[in-house]
Amino acid sequence: RDNAKNTMVLQMNSLEYEDSAVYYCNVYLGKTYWGQGTQVTVSS
């Protein structure tokens, strides 16, 4: 987390083909909230 920016971060290294997906963040505040997602594509 970067509390100063009110942001959560995912550092992804050594990416593999199988990591290709839409990535979502979420938080539970009485109910679950989701972001809209960001596409990660691992390809040569």
All heavy atoms as atom14 arrays in JSON, in Angstrom:
{
  "sequence": "RDNAKNTMVLQMNSLEYEDSAVYYCNVYLGKTYWGQGTQVTVSS",
  "atom14_mask": [
    [1, 1, 1, 1, 1, 1, 1, 1, 1, 1, 1, 0, 0, 0],
    [1, 1, 1, 1, 1, 1, 1, 1, 0, 0, 0, 0, 0, 0],
    [1, 1, 1, 1, 1, 1, 1, 1, 0, 0, 0, 0, 0, 0],
    [1, 1, 1, 1, 1, 0, 0, 0, 0, 0, 0, 0, 0, 0],
    [1, 1, 1, 1, 1, 1, 1, 1, 1, 0, 0, 0, 0, 0],
    [1, 1, 1, 1, 1, 1, 1, 1, 0, 0, 0, 0, 0, 0],
    [1, 1, 1, 1, 1, 1, 1, 0, 0, 0, 0, 0, 0, 0],
    [1, 1, 1, 1, 1, 1, 1, 1, 0, 0, 0, 0, 0, 0],
    [1, 1, 1, 1, 1, 1, 1, 0, 0, 0, 0, 0, 0, 0],
    [1, 1, 1, 1, 1, 1, 1, 1, 0, 0, 0, 0, 0, 0],
    [1, 1, 1, 1, 1, 1, 1, 1, 1, 0, 0, 0, 0, 0],
    [1, 1, 1, 1, 1, 1, 1, 1, 0, 0, 0, 0, 0, 0],
    [1, 1, 1, 1, 1, 1, 1, 1, 0, 0, 0, 0, 0, 0],
    [1, 1, 1, 1, 1, 1, 0, 0, 0, 0, 0, 0, 0, 0],
    [1, 1, 1, 1, 1, 1, 1, 1, 0, 0, 0, 0, 0, 0],
    [1, 1, 1, 1, 1, 1, 1, 1, 1, 0, 0, 0, 0, 0],
    [1, 1, 1, 1, 1, 1, 1, 1, 1, 1, 1, 1, 0, 0],
    [1, 1, 1, 1, 1, 1, 1, 1, 1, 0, 0, 0, 0, 0],
    [1, 1, 1, 1, 1, 1, 1, 1, 0, 0, 0, 0, 0, 0],
    [1, 1, 1, 1, 1, 1, 0, 0, 0, 0, 0, 0, 0, 0],
    [1, 1, 1, 1, 1, 0, 0, 0, 0, 0, 0, 0, 0, 0],
    [1, 1, 1, 1, 1, 1, 1, 0, 0, 0, 0, 0, 0, 0],
    [1, 1, 1, 1, 1, 1, 1, 1, 1, 1, 1, 1, 0, 0],
    [1, 1, 1, 1, 1, 1, 1, 1, 1, 1, 1, 1, 0, 0],
    [1, 1, 1, 1, 1, 1, 0, 0, 0, 0, 0, 0, 0, 0],
    [1, 1, 1, 1, 1, 1, 1, 1, 0, 0, 0, 0, 0, 0],
    [1, 1, 1, 1, 1, 1, 1, 0, 0, 0, 0, 0, 0, 0],
    [1, 1, 1, 1, 1, 1, 1, 1, 1, 1, 1, 1, 0, 0],
    [1, 1, 1, 1, 1, 1, 1, 1, 0, 0, 0, 0, 0, 0],
    [1, 1, 1, 1, 0, 0, 0, 0, 0, 0, 0, 0, 0, 0],
    [1, 1, 1, 1, 1, 1, 1, 1, 1, 0, 0, 0, 0, 0],
    [1, 1, 1, 1, 1, 1, 1, 0, 0, 0, 0, 0, 0, 0],
    [1, 1, 1, 1, 1, 1, 1, 1, 1, 1, 1, 1, 0, 0],
    [1, 1, 1, 1, 1, 1, 1, 1, 1, 1, 1, 1, 1, 1],
    [1, 1, 1, 1, 0, 0, 0, 0, 0, 0, 0, 0, 0, 0],
    [1, 1, 1, 1, 1, 1, 1, 1, 1, 0, 0, 0, 0, 0],
    [1, 1, 1, 1, 0, 0, 0, 0, 0, 0, 0, 0, 0, 0],
    [1, 1, 1, 1, 1, 1, 1, 0, 0, 0, 0, 0, 0, 0],
    [1, 1, 1, 1, 1, 1, 1, 1, 1, 0, 0, 0, 0, 0],
    [1, 1, 1, 1, 1, 1, 1, 0, 0, 0, 0, 0, 0, 0],
    [1, 1, 1, 1, 1, 1, 1, 0, 0, 0, 0, 0, 0, 0],
    [1, 1, 1, 1, 1, 1, 1, 0, 0, 0, 0, 0, 0, 0],
    [1, 1, 1, 1, 1, 1, 0, 0, 0, 0, 0, 0, 0, 0],
    [1, 1, 1, 1, 1, 1, 0, 0, 0, 0, 0, 0, 0, 0]
  ],
  "atom14_positions": [
    [[0.85, -1.2, 0.0], [0.0, 0.0, 0.0], [0.88, 1.24, 0.0], [1.98, 1.25, 0.57], [-0.87, 0.03, 1.26], [-2.01, -0.92, 1.29], [-2.9, -0.58, 2.49], [-2.17, -0.66, 3.74], [-2.31, -1.64, 4.62], [-3.13, -2.65, 4.33], [-1.64, -1.63, 5.74], [0.0, 0.0, 0.0], [0.0, 0.0, 0.0], [0.0, 0.0, 0.0]],
    [[0.38, 2.27, -0.65], [0.98, 3.6, -0.56], [-0.06, 4.47, 0.12], [-0.96, 5.02, -0.53], [1.33, 4.12, -1.95], [2.05, 5.46, -1.91], [1.91, 6.18, -0.9], [2.72, 5.8, -2.87], [0.0, 0.0, 0.0], [0.0, 0.0, 0.0], [0.0, 0.0, 0.0], [0.0, 0.0, 0.0], [0.0, 0.0, 0.0], [0.0, 0.0, 0.0]],
    [[0.07, 4.59, 1.43], [-0.96, 5.3, 2.19], [-1.03, 6.78, 1.82], [-2.11, 7.38, 1.83], [-0.71, 5.15, 3.69], [-0.95, 3.72, 4.17], [-1.73, 2.98, 3.58], [-0.26, 3.34, 5.23], [0.0, 0.0, 0.0], [0.0, 0.0, 0.0], [0.0, 0.0, 0.0], [0.0, 0.0, 0.0], [0.0, 0.0, 0.0], [0.0, 0.0, 0.0]],
    [[0.09, 7.36, 1.46], [0.12, 8.77, 1.1], [-0.73, 9.03, -0.15], [-1.34, 10.09, -0.29], [1.54, 9.23, 0.86], [0.0, 0.0, 0.0], [0.0, 0.0, 0.0], [0.0, 0.0, 0.0], [0.0, 0.0, 0.0], [0.0, 0.0, 0.0], [0.0, 0.0, 0.0], [0.0, 0.0, 0.0], [0.0, 0.0, 0.0], [0.0, 0.0, 0.0]],
    [[-0.75, 8.04, -1.06], [-1.53, 8.18, -2.29], [-2.87, 7.46, -2.21], [-3.64, 7.47, -3.17], [-0.73, 7.63, -3.47], [0.54, 8.4, -3.76], [1.26, 7.81, -4.97], [2.52, 8.59, -5.29], [3.24, 8.05, -6.47], [0.0, 0.0, 0.0], [0.0, 0.0, 0.0], [0.0, 0.0, 0.0], [0.0, 0.0, 0.0], [0.0, 0.0, 0.0]],
    [[-3.14, 6.84, -1.03], [-4.37, 6.05, -0.86], [-4.54, 5.04, -1.98], [-5.6, 4.93, -2.61], [-5.6, 6.95, -0.77], [-6.7, 6.33, 0.09], [-6.42, 5.7, 1.11], [-7.93, 6.5, -0.32], [0.0, 0.0, 0.0], [0.0, 0.0, 0.0], [0.0, 0.0, 0.0], [0.0, 0.0, 0.0], [0.0, 0.0, 0.0], [0.0, 0.0, 0.0]],
    [[-3.47, 4.29, -2.21], [-3.39, 3.37, -3.34], [-2.84, 2.03, -2.9], [-1.97, 1.96, -2.03], [-2.48, 3.96, -4.43], [-3.07, 5.17, -4.93], [-2.29, 3.0, -5.59], [0.0, 0.0, 0.0], [0.0, 0.0, 0.0], [0.0, 0.0, 0.0], [0.0, 0.0, 0.0], [0.0, 0.0, 0.0], [0.0, 0.0, 0.0], [0.0, 0.0, 0.0]],
    [[-3.36, 0.98, -3.49], [-2.8, -0.36, -3.31], [-2.03, -0.73, -4.58], [-2.46, -0.37, -5.68], [-3.9, -1.38, -3.05], [-3.39, -2.8, -2.81], [-4.72, -3.95, -2.4], [-5.69, -3.93, -3.89], [0.0, 0.0, 0.0], [0.0, 0.0, 0.0], [0.0, 0.0, 0.0], [0.0, 0.0, 0.0], [0.0, 0.0, 0.0], [0.0, 0.0, 0.0]],
    [[-0.93, -1.43, -4.41], [-0.04, -1.72, -5.53], [0.21, -3.22, -5.62], [0.27, -3.92, -4.61], [1.3, -0.98, -5.34], [2.3, -1.38, -6.42], [1.09, 0.53, -5.34], [0.0, 0.0, 0.0], [0.0, 0.0, 0.0], [0.0, 0.0, 0.0], [0.0, 0.0, 0.0], [0.0, 0.0, 0.0], [0.0, 0.0, 0.0], [0.0, 0.0, 0.0]],
    [[0.34, -3.71, -6.84], [0.77, -5.09, -7.07], [1.97, -5.05, -8.02], [1.83, -4.72, -9.2], [-0.35, -5.93, -7.67], [-0.02, -7.41, -7.83], [0.09, -8.08, -6.45], [-1.08, -8.11, -8.67], [0.0, 0.0, 0.0], [0.0, 0.0, 0.0], [0.0, 0.0, 0.0], [0.0, 0.0, 0.0], [0.0, 0.0, 0.0], [0.0, 0.0, 0.0]],
    [[3.14, -5.35, -7.49], [4.35, -5.44, -8.3], [4.46, -6.87, -8.81], [4.51, -7.8, -8.01], [5.58, -5.07, -7.48], [6.9, -5.2, -8.24], [7.0, -4.2, -9.38], [6.67, -3.03, -9.22], [7.47, -4.67, -10.54], [0.0, 0.0, 0.0], [0.0, 0.0, 0.0], [0.0, 0.0, 0.0], [0.0, 0.0, 0.0], [0.0, 0.0, 0.0]],
    [[4.51, -7.01, -10.11], [4.53, -8.33, -10.73], [5.83, -8.5, -11.5], [6.1, -7.75, -12.46], [3.33, -8.5, -11.67], [2.0, -8.22, -11.0], [0.59, -8.65, -12.05], [0.82, -7.52, -13.4], [0.0, 0.0, 0.0], [0.0, 0.0, 0.0], [0.0, 0.0, 0.0], [0.0, 0.0, 0.0], [0.0, 0.0, 0.0], [0.0, 0.0, 0.0]],
    [[6.63, -9.45, -11.08], [7.91, -9.75, -11.73], [7.89, -11.16, -12.31], [7.05, -11.98, -11.96], [9.06, -9.61, -10.73], [9.18, -8.21, -10.17], [8.88, -7.22, -10.82], [9.62, -8.11, -8.92], [0.0, 0.0, 0.0], [0.0, 0.0, 0.0], [0.0, 0.0, 0.0], [0.0, 0.0, 0.0], [0.0, 0.0, 0.0], [0.0, 0.0, 0.0]],
    [[8.83, -11.43, -13.19], [8.97, -12.76, -13.79], [7.62, -13.25, -14.34], [7.2, -14.38, -14.07], [9.52, -13.76, -12.76], [10.77, -13.33, -12.27], [0.0, 0.0, 0.0], [0.0, 0.0, 0.0], [0.0, 0.0, 0.0], [0.0, 0.0, 0.0], [0.0, 0.0, 0.0], [0.0, 0.0, 0.0], [0.0, 0.0, 0.0], [0.0, 0.0, 0.0]],
    [[6.97, -12.42, -15.08], [5.63, -12.75, -15.58], [5.66, -13.93, -16.53], [6.6, -14.11, -17.31], [5.0, -11.53, -16.24], [4.49, -10.49, -15.25], [4.3, -9.14, -15.9], [3.17, -10.96, -14.63], [0.0, 0.0, 0.0], [0.0, 0.0, 0.0], [0.0, 0.0, 0.0], [0.0, 0.0, 0.0], [0.0, 0.0, 0.0], [0.0, 0.0, 0.0]],
    [[4.63, -14.73, -16.44], [4.47, -15.94, -17.23], [3.21, -15.83, -18.07], [2.31, -15.03, -17.79], [4.38, -17.15, -16.3], [5.56, -17.3, -15.36], [5.35, -18.36, -14.3], [4.22, -18.9, -14.2], [6.32, -18.66, -13.56], [0.0, 0.0, 0.0], [0.0, 0.0, 0.0], [0.0, 0.0, 0.0], [0.0, 0.0, 0.0], [0.0, 0.0, 0.0]],
    [[3.15, -16.66, -19.13], [1.97, -16.64, -19.99], [0.68, -16.81, -19.17], [-0.34, -16.16, -19.45], [2.05, -17.75, -21.02], [3.13, -17.59, -22.05], [4.21, -18.46, -22.09], [3.06, -16.58, -23.02], [5.21, -18.33, -23.04], [4.06, -16.44, -23.97], [5.13, -17.32, -23.98], [6.12, -17.18, -24.93], [0.0, 0.0, 0.0], [0.0, 0.0, 0.0]],
    [[0.76, -17.66, -18.16], [-0.42, -17.98, -17.35], [-0.89, -16.81, -16.49], [-1.97, -16.88, -15.89], [-0.15, -19.19, -16.45], [0.09, -20.49, -17.21], [1.44, -20.59, -17.88], [2.36, -19.8, -17.51], [1.59, -21.42, -18.79], [0.0, 0.0, 0.0], [0.0, 0.0, 0.0], [0.0, 0.0, 0.0], [0.0, 0.0, 0.0], [0.0, 0.0, 0.0]],
    [[-0.1, -15.76, -16.41], [-0.51, -14.58, -15.65], [-1.42, -13.66, -16.44], [-1.96, -12.68, -15.9], [0.72, -13.79, -15.19], [1.6, -14.56, -14.22], [1.03, -15.23, -13.33], [2.84, -14.49, -14.36], [0.0, 0.0, 0.0], [0.0, 0.0, 0.0], [0.0, 0.0, 0.0], [0.0, 0.0, 0.0], [0.0, 0.0, 0.0], [0.0, 0.0, 0.0]],
    [[-1.62, -13.94, -17.72], [-2.5, -13.11, -18.54], [-3.93, -13.18, -18.03], [-4.48, -14.28, -17.86], [-2.45, -13.58, -20.0], [-1.17, -13.4, -20.55], [0.0, 0.0, 0.0], [0.0, 0.0, 0.0], [0.0, 0.0, 0.0], [0.0, 0.0, 0.0], [0.0, 0.0, 0.0], [0.0, 0.0, 0.0], [0.0, 0.0, 0.0], [0.0, 0.0, 0.0]],
    [[-4.51, -12.04, -17.77], [-5.85, -11.98, -17.21], [-6.24, -10.52, -17.02], [-5.4, -9.62, -17.17], [-5.93, -12.71, -15.86], [0.0, 0.0, 0.0], [0.0, 0.0, 0.0], [0.0, 0.0, 0.0], [0.0, 0.0, 0.0], [0.0, 0.0, 0.0], [0.0, 0.0, 0.0], [0.0, 0.0, 0.0], [0.0, 0.0, 0.0], [0.0, 0.0, 0.0]],
    [[-7.5, -10.32, -16.69], [-7.93, -9.01, -16.2], [-7.74, -9.01, -14.68], [-8.2, -9.93, -14.0], [-9.39, -8.71, -16.57], [-9.8, -7.36, -16.0], [-9.58, -8.74, -18.07], [0.0, 0.0, 0.0], [0.0, 0.0, 0.0], [0.0, 0.0, 0.0], [0.0, 0.0, 0.0], [0.0, 0.0, 0.0], [0.0, 0.0, 0.0], [0.0, 0.0, 0.0]],
    [[-7.06, -8.02, -14.19], [-6.76, -7.92, -12.77], [-7.69, -6.89, -12.12], [-7.85, -5.78, -12.62], [-5.31, -7.53, -12.55], [-4.35, -8.68, -12.78], [-4.13, -9.19, -14.07], [-3.69, -9.3, -11.72], [-3.28, -10.27, -14.27], [-2.84, -10.37, -11.92], [-2.64, -10.85, -13.2], [-1.8, -11.93, -13.4], [0.0, 0.0, 0.0], [0.0, 0.0, 0.0]],
    [[-8.27, -7.3, -10.99], [-9.21, -6.46, -10.26], [-8.72, -6.26, -8.82], [-8.17, -7.18, -8.21], [-10.58, -7.12, -10.19], [-11.23, -7.42, -11.51], [-11.0, -8.63, -12.16], [-12.09, -6.5, -12.11], [-11.62, -8.93, -13.36], [-12.71, -6.78, -13.32], [-12.46, -7.99, -13.94], [-13.07, -8.28, -15.13], [0.0, 0.0, 0.0], [0.0, 0.0, 0.0]],
    [[-9.0, -5.09, -8.28], [-8.79, -4.9, -6.85], [-10.14, -4.85, -6.16], [-11.15, -4.53, -6.8], [-7.98, -3.63, -6.55], [-8.71, -2.09, -7.11], [0.0, 0.0, 0.0], [0.0, 0.0, 0.0], [0.0, 0.0, 0.0], [0.0, 0.0, 0.0], [0.0, 0.0, 0.0], [0.0, 0.0, 0.0], [0.0, 0.0, 0.0], [0.0, 0.0, 0.0]],
    [[-10.15, -5.21, -4.89], [-11.41, -5.15, -4.15], [-11.19, -4.78, -2.7], [-10.09, -4.82, -2.18], [-12.19, -6.46, -4.3], [-11.8, -7.52, -3.3], [-10.75, -7.47, -2.66], [-12.67, -8.51, -3.14], [0.0, 0.0, 0.0], [0.0, 0.0, 0.0], [0.0, 0.0, 0.0], [0.0, 0.0, 0.0], [0.0, 0.0, 0.0], [0.0, 0.0, 0.0]],
    [[-12.3, -4.4, -2.07], [-12.3, -4.09, -0.65], [-13.68, -4.43, -0.12], [-14.69, -4.31, -0.83], [-11.96, -2.61, -0.39], [-13.02, -1.68, -0.98], [-11.76, -2.33, 1.09], [0.0, 0.0, 0.0], [0.0, 0.0, 0.0], [0.0, 0.0, 0.0], [0.0, 0.0, 0.0], [0.0, 0.0, 0.0], [0.0, 0.0, 0.0], [0.0, 0.0, 0.0]],
    [[-13.71, -4.89, 1.13], [-14.99, -5.21, 1.77], [-15.29, -4.13, 2.79], [-14.54, -3.95, 3.76], [-14.95, -6.59, 2.43], [-16.26, -6.95, 3.07], [-17.33, -7.35, 2.3], [-16.44, -6.85, 4.46], [-18.56, -7.66, 2.88], [-17.65, -7.16, 5.03], [-18.7, -7.57, 4.24], [-19.91, -7.87, 4.82], [0.0, 0.0, 0.0], [0.0, 0.0, 0.0]],
    [[-16.4, -3.43, 2.56], [-16.84, -2.37, 3.47], [-18.31, -2.58, 3.76], [-19.15, -1.76, 3.4], [-16.6, -0.99, 2.83], [-15.17, -0.64, 2.43], [-15.16, 0.64, 1.6], [-14.29, -0.48, 3.66], [0.0, 0.0, 0.0], [0.0, 0.0, 0.0], [0.0, 0.0, 0.0], [0.0, 0.0, 0.0], [0.0, 0.0, 0.0], [0.0, 0.0, 0.0]],
    [[-18.61, -3.72, 4.36], [-20.01, -4.07, 4.55], [-20.57, -4.79, 3.34], [-21.46, -5.62, 3.44], [0.0, 0.0, 0.0], [0.0, 0.0, 0.0], [0.0, 0.0, 0.0], [0.0, 0.0, 0.0], [0.0, 0.0, 0.0], [0.0, 0.0, 0.0], [0.0, 0.0, 0.0], [0.0, 0.0, 0.0], [0.0, 0.0, 0.0], [0.0, 0.0, 0.0]],
    [[-20.07, -4.44, 2.2], [-20.27, -5.18, 0.96], [-18.98, -5.08, 0.17], [-18.12, -4.25, 0.47], [-21.46, -4.63, 0.17], [-21.22, -3.26, -0.46], [-22.38, -2.89, -1.38], [-22.08, -1.63, -2.16], [-23.17, -1.28, -3.11], [0.0, 0.0, 0.0], [0.0, 0.0, 0.0], [0.0, 0.0, 0.0], [0.0, 0.0, 0.0], [0.0, 0.0, 0.0]],
    [[-18.86, -5.94, -0.84], [-17.62, -5.97, -1.61], [-17.69, -5.0, -2.77], [-18.66, -4.98, -3.54], [-17.38, -7.38, -2.15], [-17.29, -8.29, -1.05], [-16.06, -7.43, -2.91], [0.0, 0.0, 0.0], [0.0, 0.0, 0.0], [0.0, 0.0, 0.0], [0.0, 0.0, 0.0], [0.0, 0.0, 0.0], [0.0, 0.0, 0.0], [0.0, 0.0, 0.0]],
    [[-16.65, -4.2, -2.87], [-16.52, -3.28, -3.98], [-15.39, -3.75, -4.9], [-14.34, -4.22, -4.42], [-16.18, -1.87, -3.48], [-17.31, -1.21, -2.71], [-17.47, -1.43, -1.35], [-18.21, -0.37, -3.36], [-18.5, -0.83, -0.65], [-19.24, 0.24, -2.65], [-19.38, 0.0, -1.3], [-20.42, 0.6, -0.62], [0.0, 0.0, 0.0], [0.0, 0.0, 0.0]],
    [[-15.6, -3.6, -6.2], [-14.62, -4.0, -7.21], [-14.29, -2.82, -8.1], [-15.15, -1.98, -8.38], [-15.16, -5.13, -8.08], [-15.42, -6.41, -7.37], [-16.57, -6.81, -6.79], [-14.48, -7.48, -7.16], [-16.42, -8.06, -6.23], [-15.16, -8.49, -6.46], [-13.15, -7.68, -7.52], [-14.54, -9.68, -6.09], [-12.53, -8.85, -7.15], [-13.22, -9.84, -6.45]],
    [[-13.07, -2.8, -8.61], [-12.73, -1.87, -9.65], [-13.17, -2.41, -11.0], [-13.75, -3.5, -11.09], [0.0, 0.0, 0.0], [0.0, 0.0, 0.0], [0.0, 0.0, 0.0], [0.0, 0.0, 0.0], [0.0, 0.0, 0.0], [0.0, 0.0, 0.0], [0.0, 0.0, 0.0], [0.0, 0.0, 0.0], [0.0, 0.0, 0.0], [0.0, 0.0, 0.0]],
    [[-12.86, -1.67, -12.05], [-13.3, -2.07, -13.39], [-12.34, -3.05, -14.05], [-12.66, -3.66, -15.06], [-13.44, -0.81, -14.28], [-12.15, -0.33, -14.93], [-11.18, 0.31, -13.95], [-11.52, 0.58, -12.8], [-9.95, 0.55, -14.39], [0.0, 0.0, 0.0], [0.0, 0.0, 0.0], [0.0, 0.0, 0.0], [0.0, 0.0, 0.0], [0.0, 0.0, 0.0]],
    [[-11.15, -3.18, -13.46], [-10.17, -4.14, -13.98], [-9.17, -3.52, -14.93], [-9.45, -2.5, -15.58], [0.0, 0.0, 0.0], [0.0, 0.0, 0.0], [0.0, 0.0, 0.0], [0.0, 0.0, 0.0], [0.0, 0.0, 0.0], [0.0, 0.0, 0.0], [0.0, 0.0, 0.0], [0.0, 0.0, 0.0], [0.0, 0.0, 0.0], [0.0, 0.0, 0.0]],
    [[-8.0, -4.15, -15.01], [-6.98, -3.74, -15.95], [-6.39, -4.99, -16.61], [-6.11, -5.97, -15.92], [-5.88, -2.9, -15.27], [-4.96, -2.39, -16.25], [-5.11, -3.67, -14.21], [0.0, 0.0, 0.0], [0.0, 0.0, 0.0], [0.0, 0.0, 0.0], [0.0, 0.0, 0.0], [0.0, 0.0, 0.0], [0.0, 0.0, 0.0], [0.0, 0.0, 0.0]],
    [[-6.24, -4.96, -17.91], [-5.83, -6.13, -18.67], [-4.31, -6.3, -18.62], [-3.56, -5.35, -18.89], [-6.26, -6.01, -20.13], [-5.81, -7.15, -21.03], [-6.55, -8.44, -20.75], [-7.77, -8.47, -20.69], [-5.79, -9.53, -20.58], [0.0, 0.0, 0.0], [0.0, 0.0, 0.0], [0.0, 0.0, 0.0], [0.0, 0.0, 0.0], [0.0, 0.0, 0.0]],
    [[-3.89, -7.5, -18.3], [-2.48, -7.88, -18.36], [-2.33, -8.99, -19.38], [-3.0, -10.02, -19.27], [-1.96, -8.34, -16.98], [-0.55, -8.92, -17.11], [-1.97, -7.18, -15.99], [0.0, 0.0, 0.0], [0.0, 0.0, 0.0], [0.0, 0.0, 0.0], [0.0, 0.0, 0.0], [0.0, 0.0, 0.0], [0.0, 0.0, 0.0], [0.0, 0.0, 0.0]],
    [[-1.5, -8.78, -20.37], [-1.27, -9.78, -21.39], [0.22, -10.09, -21.45], [1.04, -9.18, -21.67], [-1.74, -9.3, -22.77], [-3.14, -8.98, -22.7], [-1.53, -10.39, -23.82], [0.0, 0.0, 0.0], [0.0, 0.0, 0.0], [0.0, 0.0, 0.0], [0.0, 0.0, 0.0], [0.0, 0.0, 0.0], [0.0, 0.0, 0.0], [0.0, 0.0, 0.0]],
    [[0.55, -11.34, -21.24], [1.94, -11.79, -21.3], [2.1, -12.58, -22.6], [1.48, -13.64, -22.76], [2.33, -12.64, -20.09], [3.81, -13.02, -20.16], [2.02, -11.9, -18.8], [0.0, 0.0, 0.0], [0.0, 0.0, 0.0], [0.0, 0.0, 0.0], [0.0, 0.0, 0.0], [0.0, 0.0, 0.0], [0.0, 0.0, 0.0], [0.0, 0.0, 0.0]],
    [[2.88, -12.03, -23.5], [3.02, -12.65, -24.81], [4.34, -12.26, -25.44], [4.84, -11.16, -25.23], [1.86, -12.21, -25.72], [2.03, -12.73, -27.03], [0.0, 0.0, 0.0], [0.0, 0.0, 0.0], [0.0, 0.0, 0.0], [0.0, 0.0, 0.0], [0.0, 0.0, 0.0], [0.0, 0.0, 0.0], [0.0, 0.0, 0.0], [0.0, 0.0, 0.0]],
    [[4.89, -13.19, -26.22], [6.13, -12.9, -26.94], [5.82, -12.41, -28.35], [6.74, -12.11, -29.12], [7.02, -14.13, -26.98], [6.33, -15.22, -27.55], [0.0, 0.0, 0.0], [0.0, 0.0, 0.0], [0.0, 0.0, 0.0], [0.0, 0.0, 0.0], [0.0, 0.0, 0.0], [0.0, 0.0, 0.0], [0.0, 0.0, 0.0], [0.0, 0.0, 0.0]]
  ]
}
